[in-house]
C-alpha atoms as a PDB file:
ATOM      1  CA  VAL A   1       0.000   0.000   0.000  1.00  0.00           C
ATOM      2  CA  ALA A   2       1.337   3.438  -0.912  1.00  0.00           C
ATOM      3  CA  LYS A   3      -0.146   6.629   0.500  1.00  0.00           C
ATOM      4  CA  ILE A   4      -0.503   9.192  -2.294  1.00  0.00           C
ATOM      5  CA  ASN A   5      -1.886  12.692  -2.785  1.00  0.00           C
ATOM      6  CA  PRO A   6      -5.632  12.446  -1.947  1.00  0.00           C
ATOM      7  CA  GLN A   7      -6.400  14.836  -4.838  1.00  0.00           C
ATOM      8  CA  ALA A   8      -4.961  12.384  -7.397  1.00  0.00           C
ATOM      9  CA  PRO A   9      -7.635  10.789  -9.633  1.00  0.00           C
ATOM     10  CA  LEU A  10      -7.453   7.064  -8.893  1.00  0.00           C
ATOM     11  CA  ASP A  11      -8.824   6.107 -12.318  1.00  0.00           C
ATOM     12  CA  LYS A  12      -5.700   7.720 -13.833  1.00  0.00           C
ATOM     13  CA  VAL A  13      -2.868   7.131 -11.354  1.00  0.00           C
ATOM     14  CA  CYS A  14      -3.732   3.408 -11.061  1.00  0.00           C
ATOM     15  CA  VAL A  15      -1.691   2.887 -14.243  1.00  0.00           C
ATOM     16  CA  LEU A  16       1.435   4.026 -12.378  1.00  0.00           C
ATOM     17  CA  SER A  17       1.410   0.784 -10.372  1.00  0.00           C
ATOM     18  CA  CYS A  18       3.261  -1.245 -13.007  1.00  0.00           C
ATOM     19  CA  GLY A  19       4.351  -0.559 -16.588  1.00  0.00           C
ATOM     20  CA  ILE A  20       4.596   3.225 -16.638  1.00  0.00           C
ATOM     21  CA  SER A  21       6.693   3.426 -13.471  1.00  0.00           C
ATOM     22  CA  THR A  22       8.861   0.577 -14.749  1.00  0.00           C
ATOM     23  CA  GLY A  23       9.722   2.338 -18.014  1.00  0.00           C
ATOM     24  CA  LEU A  24       9.970   5.798 -16.466  1.00  0.00           C
ATOM     25  CA  GLY A  25      12.294   4.585 -13.719  1.00  0.00           C
ATOM     26  CA  ALA A  26      14.398   2.528 -16.139  1.00  0.00           C
ATOM     27  CA  SER A  27      15.286   5.803 -17.867  1.00  0.00           C
ATOM     28  CA  ILE A  28      15.421   8.256 -14.966  1.00  0.00           C
ATOM     29  CA  ASN A  29      16.769   6.033 -12.159  1.00  0.00           C
ATOM     30  CA  VAL A  30      18.883   3.474 -14.012  1.00  0.00           C
ATOM     31  CA  ALA A  31      19.988   4.717 -17.465  1.00  0.00           C
ATOM     32  CA  LYS A  32      20.271   8.310 -16.135  1.00  0.00           C
ATOM     33  CA  PRO A  33      20.796   9.949 -19.539  1.00  0.00           C
ATOM     34  CA  PRO A  34      22.738  13.216 -19.239  1.00  0.00           C
ATOM     35  CA  LYS A  35      21.071  16.350 -20.628  1.00  0.00           C
ATOM     36  CA  GLY A  36      21.504  16.519 -24.395  1.00  0.00           C
ATOM     37  CA  SER A  37      22.305  12.817 -24.746  1.00  0.00           C
ATOM     38  CA  THR A  38      21.021  10.271 -27.252  1.00  0.00           C
ATOM     39  CA  VAL A  39      18.785   7.415 -26.073  1.00  0.00           C
ATOM     40  CA  ALA A  40      17.466   4.392 -27.982  1.00  0.00           C
ATOM     41  CA  ILE A  41      14.255   2.767 -26.760  1.00  0.00           C
ATOM     42  CA  PHE A  42      13.653  -0.824 -27.922  1.00  0.00           C
ATOM     43  CA  GLY A  43       9.945  -1.665 -27.987  1.00  0.00           C
ATOM     44  CA  LEU A  44       7.250   1.025 -28.005  1.00  0.00           C
ATOM     45  CA  GLY A  45       4.547  -0.624 -25.939  1.00  0.00           C
ATOM     46  CA  ALA A  46       3.434   0.968 -22.657  1.00  0.00           C
ATOM     47  CA  VAL A  47       6.761   0.341 -20.897  1.00  0.00           C
ATOM     48  CA  GLY A  48       8.837   1.618 -23.830  1.00  0.00           C
ATOM     49  CA  LEU A  49       6.660   4.708 -24.219  1.00  0.00           C
ATOM     50  CA  ALA A  50       7.153   5.420 -20.519  1.00  0.00           C
ATOM     51  CA  ALA A  51      10.913   4.969 -20.967  1.00  0.00           C
ATOM     52  CA  ALA A  52      10.776   7.541 -23.785  1.00  0.00           C
ATOM     53  CA  GLU A  53       8.851   9.865 -21.478  1.00  0.00           C
ATOM     54  CA  GLY A  54      11.554   9.350 -18.830  1.00  0.00           C
ATOM     55  CA  ALA A  55      14.304  10.157 -21.329  1.00  0.00           C
ATOM     56  CA  ARG A  56      12.408  13.322 -22.321  1.00  0.00           C
ATOM     57  CA  ILE A  57      12.018  14.370 -18.667  1.00  0.00           C
ATOM     58  CA  ALA A  58      15.755  13.735 -18.111  1.00  0.00           C
ATOM     59  CA  GLY A  59      16.589  16.092 -20.970  1.00  0.00           C
ATOM     60  CA  ALA A  60      17.779  13.723 -23.727  1.00  0.00           C
ATOM     61  CA  SER A  61      18.009  15.552 -27.064  1.00  0.00           C
ATOM     62  CA  ARG A  62      17.549  12.539 -29.356  1.00  0.00           C
ATOM     63  CA  ILE A  63      15.221   9.692 -28.439  1.00  0.00           C
ATOM     64  CA  ILE A  64      15.220   6.961 -31.073  1.00  0.00           C
ATOM     65  CA  GLY A  65      12.335   4.502 -30.939  1.00  0.00           C
ATOM     66  CA  VAL A  66      13.045   1.001 -32.287  1.00  0.00           C
ATOM     67  CA  ASP A  67      10.026  -1.154 -33.104  1.00  0.00           C
ATOM     68  CA  LEU A  68       8.899  -3.630 -35.762  1.00  0.00           C
ATOM     69  CA  ASN A  69       5.424  -2.040 -35.795  1.00  0.00           C
ATOM     70  CA  PRO A  70       5.463   1.401 -37.481  1.00  0.00           C
ATOM     71  CA  SER A  71       1.880   2.099 -36.380  1.00  0.00           C
ATOM     72  CA  ARG A  72       3.322   2.808 -32.922  1.00  0.00           C
ATOM     73  CA  PHE A  73       5.559   5.647 -34.125  1.00  0.00           C
ATOM     74  CA  GLU A  74       2.984   8.461 -34.086  1.00  0.00           C
ATOM     75  CA  GLU A  75       1.968   7.876 -30.478  1.00  0.00           C
ATOM     76  CA  ALA A  76       5.630   7.541 -29.511  1.00  0.00           C
ATOM     77  CA  ARG A  77       6.355  10.944 -31.072  1.00  0.00           C
ATOM     78  CA  GLU A  78       3.812  12.491 -28.699  1.00  0.00           C
ATOM     79  CA  LEU A  79       5.680  10.949 -25.757  1.00  0.00           C
ATOM     80  CA  GLY A  80       9.137  12.218 -26.631  1.00  0.00           C
ATOM     81  CA  CYS A  81      10.574  10.059 -29.425  1.00  0.00           C
ATOM     82  CA  THR A  82      12.301  12.203 -32.036  1.00  0.00           C
ATOM     83  CA  GLU A  83      13.287   9.495 -34.567  1.00  0.00           C
ATOM     84  CA  PHE A  84      12.386   5.927 -35.397  1.00  0.00           C
ATOM     85  CA  VAL A  85      14.025   2.788 -36.720  1.00  0.00           C
ATOM     86  CA  ASN A  86      12.137  -0.253 -37.948  1.00  0.00           C
ATOM     87  CA  PRO A  87      14.699  -3.099 -38.075  1.00  0.00           C
ATOM     88  CA  LYS A  88      12.722  -4.652 -40.951  1.00  0.00           C
ATOM     89  CA  ASP A  89      13.598  -1.635 -43.138  1.00  0.00           C
ATOM     90  CA  HIS A  90      17.326  -2.420 -43.023  1.00  0.00           C
ATOM     91  CA  ASN A  91      19.459  -5.261 -44.309  1.00  0.00           C
ATOM     92  CA  LYS A  92      22.063  -4.926 -41.558  1.00  0.00           C
ATOM     93  CA  PRO A  93      21.814  -5.418 -37.786  1.00  0.00           C
ATOM     94  CA  VAL A  94      19.927  -2.597 -36.086  1.00  0.00           C
ATOM     95  CA  GLN A  95      22.833  -1.916 -33.723  1.00  0.00           C
ATOM     96  CA  GLU A  96      24.924  -0.992 -36.799  1.00  0.00           C
ATOM     97  CA  VAL A  97      22.138   1.261 -38.092  1.00  0.00           C
ATOM     98  CA  LEU A  98      22.007   3.065 -34.727  1.00  0.00           C
ATOM     99  CA  ALA A  99      25.810   3.391 -34.555  1.00  0.00           C
ATOM    100  CA  GLU A 100      25.810   5.044 -37.991  1.00  0.00           C
ATOM    101  CA  MET A 101      22.993   7.415 -37.008  1.00  0.00           C
ATOM    102  CA  THR A 102      24.779   8.510 -33.829  1.00  0.00           C
ATOM    103  CA  ASN A 103      28.466   8.694 -34.704  1.00  0.00           C
ATOM    104  CA  GLY A 104      29.465   5.460 -32.990  1.00  0.00           C
ATOM    105  CA  GLY A 105      26.537   4.550 -30.774  1.00  0.00           C
ATOM    106  CA  VAL A 106      23.876   5.947 -28.470  1.00  0.00           C
ATOM    107  CA  ASP A 107      24.717   7.195 -24.972  1.00  0.00           C
ATOM    108  CA  ARG A 108      21.957   5.106 -23.383  1.00  0.00           C
ATOM    109  CA  SER A 109      19.566   2.374 -24.476  1.00  0.00           C
ATOM    110  CA  VAL A 110      16.529   0.933 -22.722  1.00  0.00           C
ATOM    111  CA  GLU A 111      15.213  -2.470 -23.840  1.00  0.00           C
ATOM    112  CA  CYS A 112      11.482  -3.001 -23.236  1.00  0.00           C
ATOM    113  CA  THR A 113      10.597  -6.065 -25.318  1.00  0.00           C
ATOM    114  CA  GLY A 114      11.750  -9.188 -23.471  1.00  0.00           C
ATOM    115  CA  ASN A 115      13.135 -10.431 -26.786  1.00  0.00           C
ATOM    116  CA  ILE A 116      16.675 -11.736 -26.286  1.00  0.00           C
ATOM    117  CA  ASN A 117      17.835 -10.463 -29.684  1.00  0.00           C
ATOM    118  CA  ALA A 118      16.596  -6.962 -28.842  1.00  0.00           C
ATOM    119  CA  MET A 119      18.457  -7.196 -25.517  1.00  0.00           C
ATOM    120  CA  ILE A 120      21.713  -7.998 -27.301  1.00  0.00           C
ATOM    121  CA  GLN A 121      21.090  -5.238 -29.867  1.00  0.00           C
ATOM    122  CA  ALA A 122      20.357  -2.724 -27.099  1.00  0.00           C
ATOM    123  CA  PHE A 123      23.689  -3.525 -25.469  1.00  0.00           C
ATOM    124  CA  GLU A 124      25.695  -3.558 -28.685  1.00  0.00           C
ATOM    125  CA  CYS A 125      24.286  -0.216 -29.915  1.00  0.00           C
ATOM    126  CA  VAL A 126      25.644   1.882 -27.020  1.00  0.00           C
ATOM    127  CA  HIS A 127      28.848   3.872 -27.448  1.00  0.00           C
ATOM    128  CA  ASP A 128      32.232   2.507 -26.368  1.00  0.00           C
ATOM    129  CA  GLY A 129      33.643   4.218 -23.310  1.00  0.00           C
ATOM    130  CA  TRP A 130      30.469   5.457 -21.665  1.00  0.00           C
ATOM    131  CA  GLY A 131      27.395   3.753 -23.154  1.00  0.00           C
ATOM    132  CA  VAL A 132      24.881   2.235 -20.723  1.00  0.00           C
ATOM    133  CA  ALA A 133      22.223  -0.312 -21.729  1.00  0.00           C
ATOM    134  CA  VAL A 134      19.325  -1.119 -19.399  1.00  0.00           C
ATOM    135  CA  LEU A 135      17.327  -4.343 -19.723  1.00  0.00           C
ATOM    136  CA  VAL A 136      13.689  -4.089 -18.630  1.00  0.00           C
ATOM    137  CA  GLY A 137      11.886  -6.832 -20.571  1.00  0.00           C
ATOM    138  CA  VAL A 138      11.625 -10.328 -19.116  1.00  0.00           C
ATOM    139  CA  PRO A 139      13.192 -12.921 -21.446  1.00  0.00           C
ATOM    140  CA  HIS A 140      12.115 -16.502 -22.076  1.00  0.00           C
ATOM    141  CA  LYS A 141      13.474 -18.726 -19.275  1.00  0.00           C
ATOM    142  CA  ASP A 142      15.773 -20.596 -21.687  1.00  0.00           C
ATOM    143  CA  ALA A 143      17.091 -17.500 -23.454  1.00  0.00           C
ATOM    144  CA  GLU A 144      20.831 -16.844 -23.380  1.00  0.00           C
ATOM    145  CA  PHE A 145      22.537 -13.487 -23.710  1.00  0.00           C
ATOM    146  CA  LYS A 146      25.520 -13.778 -26.050  1.00  0.00           C
ATOM    147  CA  THR A 147      27.856 -10.946 -26.980  1.00  0.00           C
ATOM    148  CA  HIS A 148      31.578 -10.549 -27.560  1.00  0.00           C
ATOM    149  CA  PRO A 149      33.544  -9.895 -24.349  1.00  0.00           C
ATOM    150  CA  MET A 150      35.214  -6.918 -26.083  1.00  0.00           C
ATOM    151  CA  ASN A 151      31.890  -5.093 -25.758  1.00  0.00           C
ATOM    152  CA  PHE A 152      32.489  -5.055 -21.984  1.00  0.00           C
ATOM    153  CA  LEU A 153      36.216  -4.415 -22.226  1.00  0.00           C
ATOM    154  CA  ASN A 154      35.429  -1.358 -24.369  1.00  0.00           C
ATOM    155  CA  GLU A 155      33.724   0.117 -21.291  1.00  0.00           C
ATOM    156  CA  ARG A 156      30.097  -0.385 -22.105  1.00  0.00           C
ATOM    157  CA  THR A 157      27.807  -1.022 -19.137  1.00  0.00           C
ATOM    158  CA  LEU A 158      24.883  -3.454 -18.981  1.00  0.00           C
ATOM    159  CA  LYS A 159      22.285  -3.043 -16.238  1.00  0.00           C
ATOM    160  CA  GLY A 160      19.004  -4.641 -15.349  1.00  0.00           C
ATOM    161  CA  THR A 161      16.066  -3.212 -13.441  1.00  0.00           C
ATOM    162  CA  PHE A 162      12.866  -4.319 -11.805  1.00  0.00           C
ATOM    163  CA  PHE A 163      10.030  -1.777 -11.494  1.00  0.00           C
ATOM    164  CA  GLY A 164      12.425   0.957 -12.629  1.00  0.00           C
ATOM    165  CA  ASN A 165      14.363   0.798  -9.327  1.00  0.00           C
ATOM    166  CA  TYR A 166      11.426   2.482  -7.581  1.00  0.00           C
ATOM    167  CA  LYS A 167      10.561   1.428  -4.036  1.00  0.00           C
ATOM    168  CA  PRO A 168       6.760   1.470  -4.289  1.00  0.00           C
ATOM    169  CA  ARG A 169       5.847   2.660  -0.802  1.00  0.00           C
ATOM    170  CA  THR A 170       8.327   5.535  -0.644  1.00  0.00           C
ATOM    171  CA  ASP A 171       8.781   6.440  -4.327  1.00  0.00           C
ATOM    172  CA  LEU A 172       5.338   6.073  -5.929  1.00  0.00           C
ATOM    173  CA  PRO A 173       3.939   9.129  -4.102  1.00  0.00           C
ATOM    174  CA  ASN A 174       6.619  11.230  -5.879  1.00  0.00           C
ATOM    175  CA  VAL A 175       5.719   9.741  -9.266  1.00  0.00           C
ATOM    176  CA  VAL A 176       2.089  10.697  -8.599  1.00  0.00           C
ATOM    177  CA  GLU A 177       3.283  14.238  -7.792  1.00  0.00           C
ATOM    178  CA  LEU A 178       5.074  14.401 -11.167  1.00  0.00           C
ATOM    179  CA  TYR A 179       1.719  13.667 -12.786  1.00  0.00           C
ATOM    180  CA  MET A 180      -0.137  16.151 -10.573  1.00  0.00           C
ATOM    181  CA  LYS A 181       2.382  18.871 -11.561  1.00  0.00           C
ATOM    182  CA  LYS A 182       1.737  18.012 -15.240  1.00  0.00           C
ATOM    183  CA  GLU A 183       5.375  16.993 -15.706  1.00  0.00           C
ATOM    184  CA  LEU A 184       4.470  13.369 -16.465  1.00  0.00           C
ATOM    185  CA  GLU A 185       2.024  12.281 -19.173  1.00  0.00           C
ATOM    186  CA  VAL A 186      -0.442   9.601 -18.022  1.00  0.00           C
ATOM    187  CA  GLU A 187      -3.684  10.161 -19.965  1.00  0.00           C
ATOM    188  CA  LYS A 188      -2.113   9.141 -23.296  1.00  0.00           C
ATOM    189  CA  PHE A 189      -1.456   5.685 -21.844  1.00  0.00           C
ATOM    190  CA  ILE A 190      -5.144   5.083 -21.164  1.00  0.00           C
ATOM    191  CA  THR A 191      -6.976   3.810 -24.232  1.00  0.00           C
ATOM    192  CA  HIS A 192     -10.242   2.525 -22.704  1.00  0.00           C
ATOM    193  CA  SER A 193     -12.193   2.802 -19.479  1.00  0.00           C
ATOM    194  CA  VAL A 194     -14.228  -0.364 -18.880  1.00  0.00           C
ATOM    195  CA  PRO A 195     -16.716  -1.018 -16.047  1.00  0.00           C
ATOM    196  CA  PHE A 196     -16.192  -4.230 -14.061  1.00  0.00           C
ATOM    197  CA  ALA A 197     -19.386  -5.668 -15.536  1.00  0.00           C
ATOM    198  CA  GLU A 198     -17.805  -5.634 -19.008  1.00  0.00           C
ATOM    199  CA  ILE A 199     -14.506  -7.288 -18.058  1.00  0.00           C
ATOM    200  CA  ASN A 200     -14.374 -10.951 -19.167  1.00  0.00           C
END
């Protein structure tokens, strides 16, 4: 149980209890993109869109959305993405496409798909020397992460996160305040409101 601002509309802030906080925190608390940096977001579902929102709030100047479904790009633009890459549009690995777009690699990447190949791509697309990749998606239990050890020796960092490194009881009230101060977009994540009688 988390005690939040009593003025907060529960039918809106309820969505902060899982995916939005996870993506937002993955960017703000774990990737920590410096102002003006370049961030790649893999997967533009709710968690990825929230990660884009987090990168925007942190002050990233380029936020590149990576998704196989181009119908997601317009909504992602409204939540901070500035550019898009559909891996299906290229005949080379997407990490190479991103490295070419960003003069050697992005500063930060946040993987929100749970697909092991996307996880490897998210790690391999960050810049040598200072790049940080954050894994958010949950992979298949038999999946294996394979990359060349040089990617670590070249001073890239790989991190994982659960619930965006937020502690629900103490941190969620502050996330609600971000929304109440109109600094965090929540309404765009809500597509339908359904009464209990119509569920299942």
